[in-house]
N, C-alpha and C. Protein backbone atom coordinates (compact mmCIF):
# COMPACT_ATOMS: atom_id res chain seq x y z
N UNK A 1 85.39 93.69 87.06
CA UNK A 1 86.61 94.44 86.70
C UNK A 1 86.55 95.78 87.37
N UNK A 2 87.68 96.34 88.23
CA UNK A 2 87.44 97.67 88.70
C UNK A 2 87.49 98.66 87.67
N UNK A 3 86.92 100.23 87.81
CA UNK A 3 87.33 101.09 87.47
C UNK A 3 87.77 101.96 88.62
N UNK A 4 88.69 103.54 87.58
CA UNK A 4 89.26 104.20 88.30
C UNK A 4 88.69 105.61 87.79
N UNK A 5 88.88 106.37 88.77
CA UNK A 5 88.51 107.55 88.37
C UNK A 5 89.50 108.51 89.12
N UNK A 6 89.76 109.39 87.75
CA UNK A 6 91.00 110.37 88.01
C UNK A 6 90.81 111.71 88.51
N UNK A 7 91.09 112.16 89.21
CA UNK A 7 90.57 113.42 90.20
C UNK A 7 91.66 114.26 90.34
N UNK A 8 92.79 114.31 89.63
CA UNK A 8 93.47 115.55 89.48
C UNK A 8 93.18 116.29 88.47
N UNK A 9 93.38 117.69 88.54
CA UNK A 9 92.97 118.61 87.53
C UNK A 9 93.68 118.73 86.30
N UNK A 10 93.17 118.15 85.45
CA UNK A 10 93.56 118.40 83.91
C UNK A 10 92.61 117.93 83.00
N UNK A 11 92.03 118.35 81.96
CA UNK A 11 91.13 118.05 81.17
C UNK A 11 91.42 116.45 80.32
N UNK A 12 92.55 116.01 80.25
CA UNK A 12 92.77 114.52 79.78
C UNK A 12 93.45 113.77 80.85
N UNK A 13 93.15 114.00 81.86
CA UNK A 13 93.95 113.15 83.14
C UNK A 13 93.29 111.82 82.75
N UNK A 14 92.12 111.42 82.29
CA UNK A 14 91.66 109.84 82.55
C UNK A 14 92.26 109.33 81.29
N UNK A 15 92.48 109.84 80.40
CA UNK A 15 92.98 109.06 79.34
C UNK A 15 94.77 109.03 79.50
N UNK A 16 95.57 109.67 79.98
CA UNK A 16 96.92 109.90 80.52
C UNK A 16 97.04 108.60 81.61
N UNK A 17 96.31 108.72 82.26
CA UNK A 17 96.26 107.67 83.73
C UNK A 17 95.76 106.47 83.21
N UNK A 18 94.92 106.00 82.43
CA UNK A 18 94.63 105.02 81.79
C UNK A 18 95.67 104.38 80.97
N UNK A 19 96.49 105.22 80.24
CA UNK A 19 97.46 104.69 79.63
C UNK A 19 98.76 103.98 80.21
N UNK A 20 98.73 105.00 81.53
CA UNK A 20 99.89 104.40 82.52
C UNK A 20 99.81 103.17 83.24
N UNK A 21 98.47 103.07 83.80
CA UNK A 21 98.23 101.63 84.56
C UNK A 21 97.73 100.71 83.87
N UNK A 22 97.54 100.84 82.33
CA UNK A 22 96.96 99.82 81.63
C UNK A 22 96.05 99.15 82.07
N UNK A 23 94.78 99.88 82.59
CA UNK A 23 93.49 99.16 82.86
C UNK A 23 92.59 99.49 82.00
N UNK A 24 91.37 98.60 82.01
CA UNK A 24 90.57 99.03 81.02
C UNK A 24 89.84 100.25 81.30
N UNK A 25 89.63 100.57 82.07
CA UNK A 25 88.71 101.84 82.46
C UNK A 25 89.35 102.96 83.09
N UNK A 26 89.44 103.91 83.10
CA UNK A 26 89.32 105.09 84.07
C UNK A 26 89.00 106.47 83.41
N UNK A 27 88.05 106.70 84.65
CA UNK A 27 86.87 107.90 84.49
C UNK A 27 87.33 109.16 84.95
N UNK A 28 86.82 110.13 84.15
CA UNK A 28 87.25 111.44 84.64
C UNK A 28 86.29 111.73 85.70
N UNK A 29 86.91 112.67 86.61
CA UNK A 29 85.67 113.39 87.66
C UNK A 29 86.50 114.64 87.98
N UNK A 30 85.68 115.50 88.53
CA UNK A 30 85.75 116.95 88.75
C UNK A 30 85.80 117.05 90.45
N UNK A 31 86.75 117.61 90.83
CA UNK A 31 86.68 117.85 92.53
C UNK A 31 86.83 119.27 92.77
N UNK A 32 85.62 119.96 93.55
CA UNK A 32 85.47 120.86 93.50
C UNK A 32 85.85 121.29 95.13
N UNK A 33 87.19 122.24 95.16
CA UNK A 33 87.46 122.36 96.62
C UNK A 33 88.27 123.41 96.79
N UNK A 34 87.77 124.50 97.67
CA UNK A 34 88.69 125.61 98.02
C UNK A 34 89.49 125.37 98.82
N UNK A 35 91.11 125.50 98.53
CA UNK A 35 92.42 125.40 99.41
C UNK A 35 93.11 126.28 98.92
N UNK A 36 94.05 126.44 99.99
CA UNK A 36 95.11 127.27 99.86
C UNK A 36 96.41 126.88 100.42
N UNK A 37 97.41 127.10 99.56
CA UNK A 37 99.16 126.62 100.25
C UNK A 37 99.61 127.89 101.20
N UNK A 38 99.82 127.57 102.30
CA UNK A 38 100.20 128.41 103.37
C UNK A 38 101.76 128.43 103.49
N UNK A 39 102.16 127.32 102.88
CA UNK A 39 103.43 126.94 102.85
C UNK A 39 103.94 125.31 102.54
N UNK A 40 105.19 125.19 102.68
CA UNK A 40 105.59 123.83 102.15
C UNK A 40 104.69 122.80 103.45
N UNK A 41 103.96 121.85 102.91
CA UNK A 41 103.49 121.06 103.93
C UNK A 41 102.21 121.61 104.61
N UNK A 42 101.76 122.69 104.45
CA UNK A 42 100.64 123.25 105.31
C UNK A 42 99.38 124.05 104.25
N UNK A 43 98.32 123.06 104.20
CA UNK A 43 97.33 123.41 103.18
C UNK A 43 95.97 123.73 103.94
N UNK A 44 95.65 124.98 103.66
CA UNK A 44 94.23 125.36 104.63
C UNK A 44 93.10 125.15 103.63
N UNK A 45 91.98 124.61 104.44
CA UNK A 45 90.91 124.19 103.47
C UNK A 45 89.97 125.42 103.72
N UNK A 46 89.35 125.78 102.70
CA UNK A 46 88.44 126.98 102.98
C UNK A 46 87.05 126.81 102.39
N UNK A 47 86.64 125.61 101.88
CA UNK A 47 85.11 125.20 101.44
C UNK A 47 85.36 124.06 100.85
N UNK A 48 83.89 123.81 100.43
CA UNK A 48 83.86 122.66 99.34
C UNK A 48 84.27 121.40 99.74
N UNK A 49 84.25 120.68 98.69
CA UNK A 49 84.78 118.94 98.58
C UNK A 49 83.90 118.17 97.82
N UNK A 50 83.02 118.74 97.05
CA UNK A 50 82.36 117.47 95.92
C UNK A 50 82.85 117.28 94.99
N UNK A 51 82.21 116.18 94.54
CA UNK A 51 82.66 115.39 93.13
C UNK A 51 81.80 115.42 92.33
N UNK A 52 82.09 115.42 91.02
CA UNK A 52 80.98 115.38 89.76
C UNK A 52 81.97 114.74 88.94
N UNK A 53 81.00 113.41 88.47
CA UNK A 53 81.50 112.04 87.87
C UNK A 53 80.35 111.99 86.67
N UNK A 54 81.14 110.99 85.81
CA UNK A 54 80.16 110.48 84.83
C UNK A 54 79.53 109.27 85.43
N UNK A 55 78.32 109.01 84.58
CA UNK A 55 77.31 107.72 85.20
C UNK A 55 78.16 106.62 85.03
N UNK A 56 79.21 106.47 84.14
CA UNK A 56 79.80 104.95 84.37
C UNK A 56 80.79 104.78 85.31
N UNK A 57 81.17 106.14 85.92
CA UNK A 57 82.31 105.80 87.15
C UNK A 57 81.75 105.63 88.51
N UNK A 58 80.10 105.44 88.35
CA UNK A 58 79.46 105.52 89.55
C UNK A 58 78.90 104.41 90.07
N UNK A 59 79.04 103.74 91.05
CA UNK A 59 78.35 102.39 91.57
C UNK A 59 77.30 102.86 92.71
N UNK A 60 76.38 101.98 93.14
CA UNK A 60 75.58 102.30 94.21
C UNK A 60 76.39 102.35 95.47
N UNK A 61 77.40 101.67 95.53
CA UNK A 61 78.05 101.35 96.89
C UNK A 61 78.99 102.49 96.77
N UNK A 62 79.36 103.03 95.80
CA UNK A 62 80.43 104.22 95.54
C UNK A 62 79.56 105.38 96.28
N UNK A 63 78.40 105.67 95.59
CA UNK A 63 77.62 106.92 95.99
C UNK A 63 77.22 106.96 97.68
N UNK A 64 76.91 105.91 98.26
CA UNK A 64 76.67 105.49 99.62
C UNK A 64 78.08 105.95 100.16
N UNK A 65 78.96 105.25 99.98
CA UNK A 65 80.18 105.76 100.70
C UNK A 65 80.40 107.31 100.57
N UNK A 66 80.47 107.53 99.58
CA UNK A 66 80.52 109.19 99.77
C UNK A 66 79.48 110.15 100.50
N UNK A 67 78.47 109.53 100.34
CA UNK A 67 77.07 110.20 101.28
C UNK A 67 77.53 109.79 102.85
N UNK A 68 77.76 108.73 102.76
CA UNK A 68 78.26 108.36 104.30
C UNK A 68 79.26 109.39 105.03
N UNK A 69 80.10 109.72 104.07
CA UNK A 69 81.57 110.24 104.42
C UNK A 69 81.30 111.73 104.58
N UNK A 70 79.87 112.47 103.95
CA UNK A 70 79.66 113.45 104.01
C UNK A 70 80.12 114.36 102.73
N UNK A 71 80.25 113.73 101.86
CA UNK A 71 81.20 114.42 100.40
C UNK A 71 79.79 114.09 99.58
N UNK A 72 79.60 115.51 98.93
CA UNK A 72 78.47 115.54 97.79
C UNK A 72 78.87 115.25 96.86
N UNK A 73 78.33 114.22 95.90
CA UNK A 73 78.45 113.87 94.52
C UNK A 73 77.44 114.10 93.50
N UNK A 74 77.81 114.50 92.30
CA UNK A 74 76.82 114.66 91.42
C UNK A 74 77.23 113.88 90.25
N UNK A 75 76.22 113.55 89.57
CA UNK A 75 76.47 112.71 88.29
C UNK A 75 76.05 113.29 87.13
N UNK A 76 76.78 113.56 86.13
CA UNK A 76 76.38 114.06 84.95
C UNK A 76 77.12 113.17 83.50
N UNK A 77 76.33 113.63 82.49
CA UNK A 77 76.72 113.09 81.28
C UNK A 77 77.70 113.60 80.49
N UNK A 78 77.91 114.70 81.22
CA UNK A 78 79.13 115.81 80.51
C UNK A 78 80.09 116.19 81.56
N UNK A 79 80.68 115.18 82.06
CA UNK A 79 81.73 115.18 82.82
C UNK A 79 83.26 116.08 82.16
N UNK A 80 83.18 115.80 80.95
CA UNK A 80 84.50 116.58 80.35
C UNK A 80 83.94 118.22 80.01
N UNK A 81 82.80 118.16 79.80
CA UNK A 81 82.55 119.78 79.87
C UNK A 81 82.43 120.37 81.12
N UNK A 82 81.96 119.82 82.40
CA UNK A 82 82.48 120.01 83.86
C UNK A 82 84.25 120.50 83.89
N UNK A 83 84.75 119.51 83.49
CA UNK A 83 86.51 119.62 83.44
C UNK A 83 86.73 121.04 82.64
N UNK A 84 86.31 121.38 81.40
CA UNK A 84 86.78 122.24 80.93
C UNK A 84 86.06 123.62 81.48
N UNK A 85 85.03 123.54 82.08
CA UNK A 85 84.28 124.72 82.79
C UNK A 85 85.23 125.18 84.04
N UNK A 86 85.71 123.93 85.22
CA UNK A 86 86.26 124.25 85.90
C UNK A 86 88.01 124.83 85.36
N UNK A 87 88.50 124.34 84.65
CA UNK A 87 89.71 125.09 84.17
C UNK A 87 89.78 126.18 83.76
N UNK A 88 88.52 126.70 82.93
CA UNK A 88 88.43 128.19 82.36
C UNK A 88 88.55 128.99 83.76
N UNK A 89 87.19 128.60 84.60
CA UNK A 89 87.24 129.70 85.61
C UNK A 89 88.43 129.30 86.55
N UNK A 90 89.05 128.21 86.71
CA UNK A 90 90.28 128.46 87.54
C UNK A 90 91.37 129.36 86.93
N UNK A 91 91.23 129.44 85.71
CA UNK A 91 92.48 130.44 84.91
C UNK A 91 92.07 131.81 85.47
N UNK A 92 90.80 132.14 85.47
CA UNK A 92 90.27 133.09 85.65
C UNK A 92 90.64 133.97 87.18
N UNK A 93 90.11 132.87 87.99
CA UNK A 93 90.31 133.19 89.33
C UNK A 93 91.57 133.19 89.76
N UNK A 94 92.28 132.32 89.20
CA UNK A 94 93.89 132.29 89.81
C UNK A 94 94.44 133.87 89.40
N UNK A 95 94.12 133.98 88.21
CA UNK A 95 94.83 135.38 87.72
C UNK A 95 94.43 136.44 88.50
N UNK A 96 93.08 136.64 88.87
CA UNK A 96 92.59 137.34 89.88
C UNK A 96 93.48 137.68 91.10
N UNK A 97 93.09 136.20 91.91
CA UNK A 97 93.78 136.32 92.94
C UNK A 97 95.30 136.58 93.17
N UNK A 98 96.28 135.84 92.15
CA UNK A 98 97.41 136.48 92.03
C UNK A 98 97.98 137.82 92.07
N UNK A 99 97.15 138.79 91.10
CA UNK A 99 96.98 140.14 91.20
C UNK A 99 96.63 140.89 92.39
N UNK A 100 96.02 140.40 93.14
CA UNK A 100 95.38 140.67 94.42
C UNK A 100 96.39 140.51 95.48
N UNK A 101 96.84 139.33 95.48
CA UNK A 101 97.95 138.82 96.53
C UNK A 101 99.42 139.68 96.06
N UNK A 102 99.89 139.83 95.03
CA UNK A 102 100.76 140.76 94.79
C UNK A 102 100.67 142.20 95.15
N UNK A 103 99.57 142.83 94.87
CA UNK A 103 99.43 144.14 95.59
C UNK A 103 99.38 144.58 97.10
N UNK A 104 98.84 143.12 97.68
CA UNK A 104 98.68 143.49 99.24
C UNK A 104 99.86 142.97 100.09
N UNK A 105 100.44 141.72 99.55
CA UNK A 105 101.63 141.29 100.09
C UNK A 105 102.83 141.36 99.31
N UNK A 106 103.92 142.16 99.58
CA UNK A 106 105.21 142.40 98.78
C UNK A 106 105.85 141.15 98.75
N UNK A 107 105.84 140.52 99.63
CA UNK A 107 106.58 139.20 99.71
C UNK A 107 106.25 138.24 98.73
N UNK A 108 104.94 138.00 98.47
CA UNK A 108 104.18 137.43 97.32
C UNK A 108 104.74 137.61 96.08
N UNK A 109 105.31 138.79 95.68
CA UNK A 109 106.07 138.93 94.45
C UNK A 109 107.00 138.23 93.78
N UNK A 110 107.68 137.70 94.86
CA UNK A 110 109.04 136.65 94.27
C UNK A 110 108.53 135.94 93.38
């Protein structure tokens, strides 16, 4: 039976997705990527692009696919803790960045 990984940023995304798709298993995953929205439909990639998944979400074939594509993957028993850590850091970084942008670019204050 297939399993799915939820990669959208939210702490409870796997549970919410599993309830919607009515599948027996949806595993949480953390995606680390630095990107910036420059405008509608215009995304700038600044770096990273790696995944953190739980052991139940990973198959050998899946790991080989990511490695062959150049995507680093880490496996952890505490993927939920990783999700919370990323959320906390994002809250801090986004607030600091927003303040910085507003100070330097008056048009960003809108």
